[in-house]
């Protein structure tokens, strides 16, 4: 079974402002970054920023899987086309007390650059912290 099909529910709708929203659930395991990249590529098609969006989403999903703990429920990936760009959100249904930030690793560190990559690629990005597992943590970026 393909990674994005395993445990993935997809939806599409239009919000009250007329912009298109797409939603998918991605299993929170080592296959998640690849599944997320394939999703955003299918959603954006030949958009000029498709590679940037795929890389940024891959970094956000990787962080969710690496830092979310064990036995995570599926991640929810949301894409919303807006008048002058798009917004991508990743929801993780866990409450975290550790802050999410773009780090500055040493040159010889093997990891720690993910959100710095997102910051470099996105027009804006941020984090919304929930107060219960149902609301969890959402990391988002706009391009």
Foldseek 3Di string as FASTA:
>chain_A
DQQQVVVKDKDWDADPVGKIKIKIWGALDPCRLVSQLVVLCVVQPVDPCSVLVSLLSSLVSVCCSVVVDPPWGTWMWMWIQDPVWIKIKIFTLDADPDDDDQDDDDPPDPDRHNVVSLVVRFPDWDKDGDDHSVRGIMTMGID
